[in-house]
N, C-alpha and C. Protein backbone atom coordinates (compact mmCIF):
# COMPACT_ATOMS: atom_id res chain seq x y z
N MET A 1 235.19 126.01 104.17
CA MET A 1 236.41 126.13 104.99
C MET A 1 236.08 125.97 106.47
N ASP A 2 236.99 125.32 107.19
CA ASP A 2 236.77 125.16 108.62
C ASP A 2 237.51 126.23 109.37
N ALA A 3 237.39 126.20 110.72
CA ALA A 3 238.00 127.26 111.55
C ALA A 3 239.51 127.32 111.34
N GLU A 4 240.14 126.18 111.24
CA GLU A 4 241.60 126.16 111.07
C GLU A 4 242.01 126.81 109.74
N ALA A 5 241.27 126.54 108.67
CA ALA A 5 241.57 127.17 107.39
C ALA A 5 241.39 128.64 107.43
N TRP A 6 240.34 129.12 108.12
CA TRP A 6 240.14 130.57 108.25
C TRP A 6 241.25 131.19 109.13
N ASP A 7 241.64 130.51 110.19
CA ASP A 7 242.74 131.00 111.01
C ASP A 7 243.98 131.23 110.16
N GLU A 8 244.29 130.26 109.30
CA GLU A 8 245.46 130.37 108.41
C GLU A 8 245.29 131.53 107.45
N ARG A 9 244.08 131.71 106.94
CA ARG A 9 243.87 132.82 106.02
C ARG A 9 244.05 134.15 106.71
N TYR A 10 243.50 134.29 107.91
CA TYR A 10 243.64 135.53 108.67
C TYR A 10 245.09 135.76 109.08
N ALA A 11 245.83 134.71 109.38
CA ALA A 11 247.23 134.84 109.79
C ALA A 11 248.15 135.24 108.63
N ALA A 12 247.73 134.94 107.41
CA ALA A 12 248.58 135.15 106.23
C ALA A 12 248.57 136.59 105.72
N ALA A 13 247.65 137.42 106.22
CA ALA A 13 247.53 138.80 105.71
C ALA A 13 247.32 139.76 106.85
N GLU A 14 247.78 141.00 106.66
CA GLU A 14 247.57 141.99 107.69
C GLU A 14 246.08 142.17 107.95
N LEU A 15 245.31 142.32 106.89
CA LEU A 15 243.86 142.35 106.97
C LEU A 15 243.29 141.65 105.76
N VAL A 16 242.42 140.71 105.98
CA VAL A 16 241.75 140.04 104.85
C VAL A 16 240.66 140.94 104.29
N TRP A 17 239.94 141.62 105.18
CA TRP A 17 238.86 142.53 104.78
C TRP A 17 239.28 143.97 105.09
N SER A 18 238.48 144.91 104.74
CA SER A 18 238.81 146.30 104.99
C SER A 18 238.54 146.64 106.47
N VAL A 19 239.04 147.77 106.92
CA VAL A 19 238.75 148.23 108.26
C VAL A 19 237.42 148.97 108.33
N THR A 20 236.88 149.32 107.19
CA THR A 20 235.59 150.03 107.16
C THR A 20 234.46 149.02 107.12
N PRO A 21 233.27 149.39 107.55
CA PRO A 21 232.17 148.44 107.52
C PRO A 21 231.72 148.15 106.11
N ASN A 22 231.02 147.04 105.97
CA ASN A 22 230.40 146.75 104.68
C ASN A 22 229.45 147.89 104.33
N GLN A 23 229.43 148.29 103.07
CA GLN A 23 228.62 149.42 102.64
C GLN A 23 227.14 149.25 102.95
N PHE A 24 226.60 148.04 102.82
CA PHE A 24 225.20 147.82 103.06
C PHE A 24 224.88 147.80 104.56
N VAL A 25 225.79 147.28 105.34
CA VAL A 25 225.62 147.33 106.80
C VAL A 25 225.53 148.79 107.23
N ALA A 26 226.47 149.59 106.75
CA ALA A 26 226.49 151.02 107.12
C ALA A 26 225.24 151.74 106.65
N ALA A 27 224.82 151.51 105.42
CA ALA A 27 223.65 152.21 104.88
C ALA A 27 222.36 151.81 105.60
N GLU A 28 222.21 150.54 105.87
CA GLU A 28 220.99 150.05 106.49
C GLU A 28 220.86 150.38 107.97
N LEU A 29 222.00 150.49 108.67
CA LEU A 29 221.95 150.58 110.12
C LEU A 29 222.37 151.94 110.68
N ALA A 30 222.77 152.85 109.83
CA ALA A 30 223.28 154.15 110.34
C ALA A 30 222.27 154.89 111.18
N ASP A 31 220.98 154.75 110.90
CA ASP A 31 219.97 155.52 111.62
C ASP A 31 219.34 154.78 112.81
N LEU A 32 219.76 153.53 113.03
CA LEU A 32 219.18 152.80 114.16
C LEU A 32 219.73 153.34 115.48
N PRO A 33 218.89 153.50 116.50
CA PRO A 33 219.42 153.92 117.78
C PRO A 33 220.24 152.78 118.41
N PRO A 34 221.37 153.11 119.05
CA PRO A 34 222.21 152.05 119.60
C PRO A 34 221.55 151.24 120.67
N GLY A 35 221.95 149.99 120.76
CA GLY A 35 221.49 149.06 121.78
C GLY A 35 222.49 147.91 121.86
N ARG A 36 221.97 146.70 122.01
CA ARG A 36 222.84 145.49 122.06
C ARG A 36 222.80 144.85 120.68
N ALA A 37 223.98 144.52 120.18
CA ALA A 37 224.09 143.92 118.84
C ALA A 37 224.96 142.69 118.87
N VAL A 38 224.65 141.72 118.00
CA VAL A 38 225.54 140.61 117.77
C VAL A 38 225.92 140.63 116.29
N ASP A 39 227.20 140.43 116.05
CA ASP A 39 227.73 140.31 114.67
C ASP A 39 228.17 138.85 114.56
N LEU A 40 227.35 138.03 113.91
CA LEU A 40 227.56 136.59 113.84
C LEU A 40 228.41 136.29 112.60
N ALA A 41 229.50 135.53 112.80
CA ALA A 41 230.52 135.30 111.76
C ALA A 41 231.22 136.63 111.47
N ALA A 42 231.74 137.26 112.55
CA ALA A 42 232.30 138.61 112.49
C ALA A 42 233.62 138.73 111.81
N GLY A 43 234.35 137.62 111.64
CA GLY A 43 235.67 137.72 111.04
C GLY A 43 236.61 138.62 111.84
N GLU A 44 237.17 139.60 111.18
CA GLU A 44 238.08 140.54 111.86
C GLU A 44 237.34 141.69 112.52
N GLY A 45 236.03 141.64 112.48
CA GLY A 45 235.22 142.56 113.29
C GLY A 45 234.95 143.93 112.72
N ARG A 46 235.09 144.14 111.42
CA ARG A 46 234.92 145.49 110.86
C ARG A 46 233.54 146.04 111.14
N ASN A 47 232.50 145.22 111.00
CA ASN A 47 231.13 145.73 111.27
C ASN A 47 230.88 145.89 112.77
N ALA A 48 231.40 144.98 113.55
CA ALA A 48 231.24 145.07 115.01
C ALA A 48 231.90 146.33 115.55
N ILE A 49 233.09 146.64 115.07
CA ILE A 49 233.82 147.83 115.53
C ILE A 49 233.07 149.10 115.10
N TRP A 50 232.58 149.11 113.89
CA TRP A 50 231.82 150.27 113.40
C TRP A 50 230.60 150.51 114.28
N LEU A 51 229.88 149.44 114.59
CA LEU A 51 228.70 149.56 115.45
C LEU A 51 229.10 150.07 116.84
N ALA A 52 230.14 149.50 117.39
CA ALA A 52 230.57 149.92 118.73
C ALA A 52 230.95 151.39 118.80
N ARG A 53 231.58 151.87 117.74
CA ARG A 53 231.99 153.28 117.70
C ARG A 53 230.77 154.20 117.49
N ARG A 54 229.63 153.61 117.16
CA ARG A 54 228.39 154.39 117.05
C ARG A 54 227.53 154.23 118.30
N GLY A 55 228.09 153.64 119.35
CA GLY A 55 227.41 153.56 120.63
C GLY A 55 226.79 152.21 120.97
N TRP A 56 226.91 151.23 120.07
CA TRP A 56 226.36 149.93 120.35
C TRP A 56 227.23 149.13 121.30
N SER A 57 226.63 148.26 122.08
CA SER A 57 227.33 147.24 122.85
C SER A 57 227.27 145.97 122.01
N VAL A 58 228.44 145.50 121.53
CA VAL A 58 228.45 144.49 120.48
C VAL A 58 229.12 143.19 120.97
N THR A 59 228.52 142.08 120.58
CA THR A 59 229.14 140.76 120.73
C THR A 59 229.57 140.31 119.33
N ALA A 60 230.86 140.11 119.13
CA ALA A 60 231.38 139.64 117.85
C ALA A 60 231.69 138.18 117.97
N VAL A 61 231.01 137.35 117.17
CA VAL A 61 231.13 135.88 117.24
C VAL A 61 231.74 135.36 115.94
N ASP A 62 232.76 134.54 116.10
CA ASP A 62 233.36 133.87 114.94
C ASP A 62 234.08 132.62 115.41
N PHE A 63 234.21 131.64 114.53
CA PHE A 63 234.91 130.40 114.94
C PHE A 63 236.41 130.47 114.67
N ALA A 64 236.90 131.57 114.07
CA ALA A 64 238.32 131.73 113.79
C ALA A 64 238.93 132.70 114.83
N GLN A 65 239.67 132.14 115.77
CA GLN A 65 240.24 132.94 116.85
C GLN A 65 241.25 133.97 116.32
N VAL A 66 241.95 133.66 115.27
CA VAL A 66 242.95 134.61 114.72
C VAL A 66 242.24 135.86 114.21
N GLY A 67 241.08 135.69 113.54
CA GLY A 67 240.32 136.86 113.09
C GLY A 67 239.84 137.71 114.24
N LEU A 68 239.34 137.04 115.29
CA LEU A 68 238.87 137.76 116.47
C LEU A 68 239.99 138.52 117.16
N ASP A 69 241.16 137.90 117.23
CA ASP A 69 242.30 138.55 117.87
C ASP A 69 242.69 139.82 117.12
N LYS A 70 242.66 139.75 115.79
CA LYS A 70 242.96 140.95 114.98
C LYS A 70 241.91 142.02 115.25
N GLY A 71 240.63 141.61 115.28
CA GLY A 71 239.58 142.57 115.56
C GLY A 71 239.73 143.23 116.91
N ARG A 72 240.10 142.45 117.92
CA ARG A 72 240.30 143.01 119.25
C ARG A 72 241.38 144.09 119.23
N ARG A 73 242.46 143.82 118.52
CA ARG A 73 243.54 144.84 118.43
C ARG A 73 243.07 146.08 117.71
N LEU A 74 242.31 145.91 116.63
CA LEU A 74 241.81 147.04 115.87
C LEU A 74 240.79 147.86 116.68
N ALA A 75 240.03 147.20 117.53
CA ALA A 75 238.93 147.84 118.24
C ALA A 75 239.38 148.77 119.34
N GLY A 76 240.58 148.52 119.88
CA GLY A 76 241.03 149.33 121.02
C GLY A 76 240.05 149.21 122.17
N ASP A 77 239.52 150.36 122.64
CA ASP A 77 238.64 150.33 123.78
C ASP A 77 237.16 150.35 123.38
N ALA A 78 236.86 150.06 122.13
CA ALA A 78 235.47 149.99 121.68
C ALA A 78 234.74 148.88 122.45
N ASP A 79 233.44 149.05 122.66
CA ASP A 79 232.65 148.13 123.46
C ASP A 79 232.26 146.90 122.66
N VAL A 80 233.24 145.98 122.52
CA VAL A 80 233.00 144.73 121.78
C VAL A 80 233.49 143.57 122.64
N ALA A 81 232.60 142.57 122.80
CA ALA A 81 232.98 141.29 123.43
C ALA A 81 233.30 140.34 122.31
N TRP A 82 234.47 139.74 122.37
CA TRP A 82 234.93 138.86 121.30
C TRP A 82 234.72 137.40 121.72
N VAL A 83 233.89 136.65 121.01
CA VAL A 83 233.48 135.32 121.39
C VAL A 83 233.84 134.33 120.29
N CYS A 84 234.67 133.33 120.63
CA CYS A 84 235.03 132.32 119.66
C CYS A 84 233.98 131.18 119.76
N ALA A 85 233.14 131.11 118.76
CA ALA A 85 232.05 130.12 118.71
C ALA A 85 231.60 129.93 117.26
N ASP A 86 230.99 128.79 117.02
CA ASP A 86 230.46 128.47 115.70
C ASP A 86 229.12 129.13 115.51
N ALA A 87 228.90 129.77 114.39
CA ALA A 87 227.64 130.47 114.11
C ALA A 87 226.44 129.52 114.09
N THR A 88 226.68 128.24 113.85
CA THR A 88 225.58 127.28 113.80
C THR A 88 225.17 126.73 115.16
N THR A 89 225.98 126.99 116.19
CA THR A 89 225.65 126.47 117.51
C THR A 89 225.56 127.55 118.58
N TRP A 90 226.07 128.75 118.29
CA TRP A 90 226.07 129.85 119.25
C TRP A 90 224.60 130.19 119.62
N ARG A 91 224.41 130.58 120.91
CA ARG A 91 223.08 131.00 121.35
C ARG A 91 223.19 132.33 122.07
N GLY A 92 222.26 133.23 121.82
CA GLY A 92 222.18 134.48 122.53
C GLY A 92 220.74 134.92 122.66
N GLU A 93 220.50 135.95 123.42
CA GLU A 93 219.13 136.40 123.57
C GLU A 93 219.08 137.89 123.93
N ASP A 94 217.93 138.50 123.65
CA ASP A 94 217.64 139.88 124.01
C ASP A 94 218.51 140.91 123.31
N TYR A 95 218.89 140.63 122.07
CA TYR A 95 219.64 141.58 121.28
C TYR A 95 218.67 142.49 120.51
N ASP A 96 219.13 143.72 120.29
CA ASP A 96 218.36 144.67 119.47
C ASP A 96 218.68 144.54 118.00
N LEU A 97 219.81 143.95 117.69
CA LEU A 97 220.30 143.85 116.31
C LEU A 97 221.12 142.58 116.15
N ALA A 98 220.88 141.89 115.06
CA ALA A 98 221.74 140.75 114.67
C ALA A 98 222.19 140.95 113.23
N VAL A 99 223.50 140.97 113.04
CA VAL A 99 224.12 141.14 111.72
C VAL A 99 224.78 139.85 111.30
N VAL A 100 224.51 139.42 110.08
CA VAL A 100 225.21 138.27 109.48
C VAL A 100 225.69 138.76 108.10
N ALA A 101 227.00 138.95 107.96
CA ALA A 101 227.54 139.52 106.74
C ALA A 101 228.52 138.55 106.07
N TYR A 102 228.14 138.07 104.88
CA TYR A 102 228.98 137.25 104.04
C TYR A 102 229.38 135.93 104.69
N LEU A 103 228.46 135.34 105.40
CA LEU A 103 228.66 133.99 105.92
C LEU A 103 228.56 133.02 104.75
N GLN A 104 229.54 132.13 104.64
CA GLN A 104 229.59 131.22 103.49
C GLN A 104 229.48 129.77 104.02
N LEU A 105 228.25 129.28 104.04
CA LEU A 105 227.96 127.92 104.47
C LEU A 105 226.99 127.25 103.53
N PRO A 106 227.04 125.92 103.40
CA PRO A 106 225.99 125.24 102.64
C PRO A 106 224.63 125.47 103.29
N ALA A 107 223.57 125.23 102.53
CA ALA A 107 222.22 125.63 102.93
C ALA A 107 221.79 125.17 104.32
N ALA A 108 222.00 123.91 104.65
CA ALA A 108 221.53 123.42 105.97
C ALA A 108 222.22 124.15 107.11
N GLU A 109 223.54 124.31 106.99
CA GLU A 109 224.28 125.03 108.05
C GLU A 109 223.95 126.52 108.05
N ARG A 110 223.79 127.09 106.87
CA ARG A 110 223.41 128.50 106.80
C ARG A 110 222.07 128.72 107.49
N GLY A 111 221.11 127.84 107.22
CA GLY A 111 219.81 127.96 107.84
C GLY A 111 219.88 127.93 109.37
N GLU A 112 220.77 127.07 109.89
CA GLU A 112 220.92 127.00 111.34
C GLU A 112 221.49 128.32 111.87
N ALA A 113 222.48 128.87 111.20
CA ALA A 113 223.08 130.15 111.65
C ALA A 113 222.05 131.30 111.53
N VAL A 114 221.30 131.33 110.47
CA VAL A 114 220.29 132.35 110.29
C VAL A 114 219.25 132.31 111.39
N ARG A 115 218.81 131.11 111.75
CA ARG A 115 217.82 130.94 112.83
C ARG A 115 218.42 131.34 114.17
N ARG A 116 219.66 131.02 114.42
CA ARG A 116 220.32 131.40 115.68
C ARG A 116 220.38 132.92 115.80
N ALA A 117 220.73 133.58 114.71
CA ALA A 117 220.82 135.05 114.75
C ALA A 117 219.43 135.64 114.99
N PHE A 118 218.43 135.17 114.28
CA PHE A 118 217.08 135.71 114.44
C PHE A 118 216.55 135.45 115.85
N GLU A 119 216.74 134.23 116.36
CA GLU A 119 216.21 133.89 117.67
C GLU A 119 216.89 134.64 118.79
N ALA A 120 218.07 135.20 118.55
CA ALA A 120 218.75 135.99 119.55
C ALA A 120 218.15 137.36 119.75
N LEU A 121 217.23 137.76 118.86
CA LEU A 121 216.65 139.10 118.91
C LEU A 121 215.49 139.17 119.91
N ARG A 122 215.37 140.31 120.52
CA ARG A 122 214.15 140.62 121.30
C ARG A 122 213.05 141.01 120.30
N PRO A 123 211.79 140.93 120.70
CA PRO A 123 210.71 141.45 119.81
C PRO A 123 210.98 142.90 119.44
N GLY A 124 210.89 143.25 118.18
CA GLY A 124 211.22 144.58 117.71
C GLY A 124 212.65 144.73 117.24
N GLY A 125 213.45 143.72 117.46
CA GLY A 125 214.85 143.74 117.05
C GLY A 125 214.99 143.60 115.54
N THR A 126 216.13 144.09 115.05
CA THR A 126 216.43 144.09 113.61
C THR A 126 217.38 142.97 113.23
N PHE A 127 217.07 142.24 112.18
CA PHE A 127 217.91 141.21 111.60
C PHE A 127 218.40 141.73 110.26
N LEU A 128 219.72 141.71 110.04
CA LEU A 128 220.26 142.13 108.76
C LEU A 128 221.25 141.09 108.26
N LEU A 129 221.00 140.58 107.08
CA LEU A 129 221.94 139.64 106.42
C LEU A 129 222.33 140.21 105.08
N VAL A 130 223.63 140.18 104.80
CA VAL A 130 224.17 140.54 103.51
C VAL A 130 225.05 139.37 103.08
N ALA A 131 224.91 138.91 101.84
CA ALA A 131 225.68 137.76 101.38
C ALA A 131 225.87 137.84 99.87
N HIS A 132 226.72 136.99 99.37
CA HIS A 132 226.90 136.86 97.92
C HIS A 132 225.65 136.19 97.34
N ASP A 133 224.99 136.85 96.40
CA ASP A 133 223.76 136.33 95.81
C ASP A 133 224.07 135.19 94.83
N SER A 134 223.15 134.26 94.72
CA SER A 134 223.31 133.12 93.82
C SER A 134 223.52 133.59 92.39
N THR A 135 222.87 134.70 91.99
CA THR A 135 223.00 135.16 90.62
C THR A 135 224.38 135.76 90.32
N ASN A 136 225.16 136.03 91.38
CA ASN A 136 226.47 136.63 91.13
C ASN A 136 227.38 135.71 90.34
N LEU A 137 227.18 134.40 90.49
CA LEU A 137 228.03 133.44 89.82
C LEU A 137 228.03 133.62 88.33
N ALA A 138 226.86 133.85 87.74
CA ALA A 138 226.74 133.99 86.29
C ALA A 138 226.66 135.44 85.84
N GLU A 139 226.14 136.33 86.71
CA GLU A 139 225.86 137.69 86.27
C GLU A 139 226.77 138.75 86.89
N GLY A 140 227.54 138.38 87.88
CA GLY A 140 228.37 139.36 88.58
C GLY A 140 229.84 139.09 88.50
N THR A 141 230.56 139.61 89.49
CA THR A 141 232.00 139.44 89.50
C THR A 141 232.46 139.08 90.92
N GLY A 142 233.55 138.32 91.01
CA GLY A 142 234.15 138.04 92.30
C GLY A 142 233.30 137.10 93.15
N GLY A 143 233.65 137.06 94.43
CA GLY A 143 232.89 136.24 95.37
C GLY A 143 233.19 134.74 95.21
N PRO A 144 232.61 133.93 96.10
CA PRO A 144 232.83 132.49 96.02
C PRO A 144 232.31 131.94 94.71
N GLN A 145 233.00 130.94 94.20
CA GLN A 145 232.58 130.33 92.94
C GLN A 145 231.87 129.00 93.18
N ASP A 146 231.60 128.69 94.45
CA ASP A 146 230.87 127.48 94.80
C ASP A 146 229.38 127.81 95.01
N PRO A 147 228.51 127.36 94.13
CA PRO A 147 227.10 127.72 94.27
C PRO A 147 226.47 127.25 95.57
N ALA A 148 227.09 126.26 96.23
CA ALA A 148 226.54 125.72 97.47
C ALA A 148 226.56 126.74 98.60
N VAL A 149 227.43 127.76 98.53
CA VAL A 149 227.53 128.74 99.62
C VAL A 149 226.93 130.10 99.23
N LEU A 150 226.30 130.15 98.06
CA LEU A 150 225.60 131.35 97.61
C LEU A 150 224.12 131.21 97.98
N MET A 151 223.41 132.33 97.98
CA MET A 151 222.00 132.31 98.40
C MET A 151 221.24 133.44 97.77
N THR A 152 219.93 133.38 97.89
CA THR A 152 219.04 134.48 97.52
C THR A 152 218.29 134.92 98.75
N ALA A 153 217.66 136.08 98.63
CA ALA A 153 216.83 136.57 99.75
C ALA A 153 215.70 135.56 100.07
N SER A 154 215.15 134.94 99.03
CA SER A 154 214.09 133.93 99.24
C SER A 154 214.61 132.75 100.04
N ASP A 155 215.85 132.35 99.78
CA ASP A 155 216.45 131.27 100.54
C ASP A 155 216.52 131.60 102.01
N VAL A 156 216.93 132.83 102.32
CA VAL A 156 217.08 133.28 103.70
C VAL A 156 215.74 133.32 104.41
N LEU A 157 214.72 133.87 103.72
CA LEU A 157 213.39 133.88 104.29
C LEU A 157 212.91 132.44 104.53
N GLY A 158 213.22 131.56 103.62
CA GLY A 158 212.87 130.13 103.79
C GLY A 158 213.52 129.52 104.99
N ASP A 159 214.75 129.92 105.26
CA ASP A 159 215.48 129.42 106.45
C ASP A 159 214.73 129.71 107.75
N LEU A 160 213.95 130.78 107.75
CA LEU A 160 213.25 131.20 108.97
C LEU A 160 211.91 130.51 109.18
N GLY A 161 211.49 129.75 108.19
CA GLY A 161 210.26 128.98 108.33
C GLY A 161 209.07 129.86 108.71
N ASP A 162 208.39 129.53 109.81
CA ASP A 162 207.19 130.26 110.16
C ASP A 162 207.46 131.33 111.26
N ALA A 163 208.71 131.77 111.38
CA ALA A 163 209.04 132.82 112.35
C ALA A 163 208.23 134.08 112.00
N ALA A 164 207.95 134.86 113.03
CA ALA A 164 207.11 136.06 112.83
C ALA A 164 208.02 137.29 112.67
N TYR A 165 207.89 137.97 111.51
CA TYR A 165 208.72 139.13 111.23
C TYR A 165 208.06 140.00 110.19
N ASP A 166 208.51 141.24 110.12
CA ASP A 166 208.14 142.17 109.07
C ASP A 166 209.35 142.38 108.18
N VAL A 167 209.14 142.28 106.88
CA VAL A 167 210.23 142.44 105.89
C VAL A 167 210.38 143.92 105.54
N LEU A 168 211.57 144.45 105.75
CA LEU A 168 211.88 145.83 105.31
C LEU A 168 212.60 145.82 103.97
N HIS A 169 213.35 144.74 103.76
CA HIS A 169 214.14 144.64 102.50
C HIS A 169 214.49 143.18 102.28
N ALA A 170 214.20 142.65 101.14
CA ALA A 170 214.58 141.28 100.81
C ALA A 170 214.72 141.18 99.31
N ASP A 171 215.95 141.34 98.81
CA ASP A 171 216.16 141.39 97.37
C ASP A 171 217.67 141.24 97.10
N ARG A 172 218.01 141.31 95.82
CA ARG A 172 219.44 141.38 95.49
C ARG A 172 219.79 142.83 95.27
N VAL A 173 221.05 143.17 95.60
CA VAL A 173 221.53 144.55 95.45
C VAL A 173 222.86 144.53 94.72
N ALA A 174 223.13 145.61 93.98
CA ALA A 174 224.36 145.73 93.22
C ALA A 174 225.44 146.37 94.08
N ARG A 175 226.64 145.81 93.99
CA ARG A 175 227.80 146.36 94.67
C ARG A 175 228.89 146.59 93.63
N GLN A 176 229.37 147.82 93.53
CA GLN A 176 230.38 148.15 92.53
C GLN A 176 231.77 147.74 93.06
N VAL A 177 232.49 147.00 92.24
CA VAL A 177 233.80 146.50 92.60
C VAL A 177 234.83 147.15 91.68
N PRO A 178 235.80 147.87 92.25
CA PRO A 178 236.83 148.51 91.39
C PRO A 178 237.54 147.48 90.55
N ASP A 179 237.79 147.83 89.29
CA ASP A 179 238.46 146.94 88.37
C ASP A 179 239.91 146.74 88.79
N GLY A 180 240.54 147.76 89.30
CA GLY A 180 241.95 147.65 89.72
C GLY A 180 242.92 147.86 88.60
N HIS A 181 242.44 148.00 87.39
CA HIS A 181 243.32 148.19 86.22
C HIS A 181 242.96 149.42 85.45
N GLY A 182 242.30 150.36 86.10
CA GLY A 182 241.91 151.60 85.43
C GLY A 182 240.69 151.51 84.53
N GLU A 183 240.08 150.32 84.51
CA GLU A 183 238.87 150.13 83.72
C GLU A 183 237.65 150.48 84.58
N ALA A 184 236.48 150.43 83.95
CA ALA A 184 235.22 150.72 84.67
C ALA A 184 234.99 149.70 85.76
N ASP A 185 234.36 150.16 86.86
CA ASP A 185 234.01 149.26 87.93
C ASP A 185 233.11 148.14 87.39
N ARG A 186 233.19 146.98 88.06
CA ARG A 186 232.35 145.87 87.71
C ARG A 186 231.27 145.72 88.78
N THR A 187 230.20 145.00 88.47
CA THR A 187 229.09 144.83 89.39
C THR A 187 229.10 143.45 90.00
N ALA A 188 229.04 143.41 91.33
CA ALA A 188 228.82 142.17 92.06
C ALA A 188 227.39 142.21 92.58
N TRP A 189 226.76 141.05 92.68
CA TRP A 189 225.39 140.96 93.14
C TRP A 189 225.36 140.30 94.52
N ASP A 190 224.78 141.01 95.45
CA ASP A 190 224.61 140.50 96.84
C ASP A 190 223.15 140.35 97.15
N CYS A 191 222.85 139.51 98.11
CA CYS A 191 221.49 139.44 98.60
C CYS A 191 221.44 140.19 99.93
N LEU A 192 220.38 140.93 100.16
CA LEU A 192 220.21 141.72 101.35
C LEU A 192 218.86 141.44 101.94
N VAL A 193 218.82 141.09 103.21
CA VAL A 193 217.57 140.81 103.91
C VAL A 193 217.59 141.60 105.21
N ARG A 194 216.59 142.47 105.39
CA ARG A 194 216.43 143.21 106.62
C ARG A 194 215.01 142.96 107.15
N LEU A 195 214.92 142.47 108.35
CA LEU A 195 213.66 142.12 108.97
C LEU A 195 213.58 142.74 110.36
N VAL A 196 212.33 142.86 110.84
CA VAL A 196 212.12 143.23 112.23
C VAL A 196 211.31 142.11 112.87
N ARG A 197 211.81 141.60 113.97
CA ARG A 197 211.13 140.49 114.65
C ARG A 197 209.86 141.00 115.31
N ARG A 198 208.78 140.28 115.07
CA ARG A 198 207.50 140.64 115.72
C ARG A 198 207.47 140.11 117.12
N ALA A 199 206.56 140.70 117.92
CA ALA A 199 206.37 140.24 119.29
C ALA A 199 205.79 138.83 119.32
């Protein structure tokens, strides 16, 4: 989907995503001391707003202006700068944290966005990516049905080439999805990569 298609999607619903942060973003980052963060492909800004309310100074980047405008309204006076830019071409530097949550791009473009996020970090900064895992297509529920925009933790590490980092977490994780019909929750599979950039 391009920016115009995402703008239409965001305009068609009060909220496409929840107002609460992604569960893995919250679990992985709750104990980090606040600093400067970028949320790349921020959408309506749920993770950016959560970080800002925890004391972070956040830059929320997305190519869909409608999503950013919704996030700005939701954020109120939270410390978030809303930037309309493409995740594959945006550049930043000296961030303490880079978050990429559920970015859906083919491999070459995804790799460019992953590298942009990682390169925006200062040495010692944290990189966190959460996405729909490739195995979700056959083994999980929901999510994109196009294998071209799914990935594994190994794919993400491969995107970074010979960059210097320490791996804290790189695997697939289970996410419980309510059935919505009174039945048992179903399992979706996500990939989660958490790294610390070396000096």
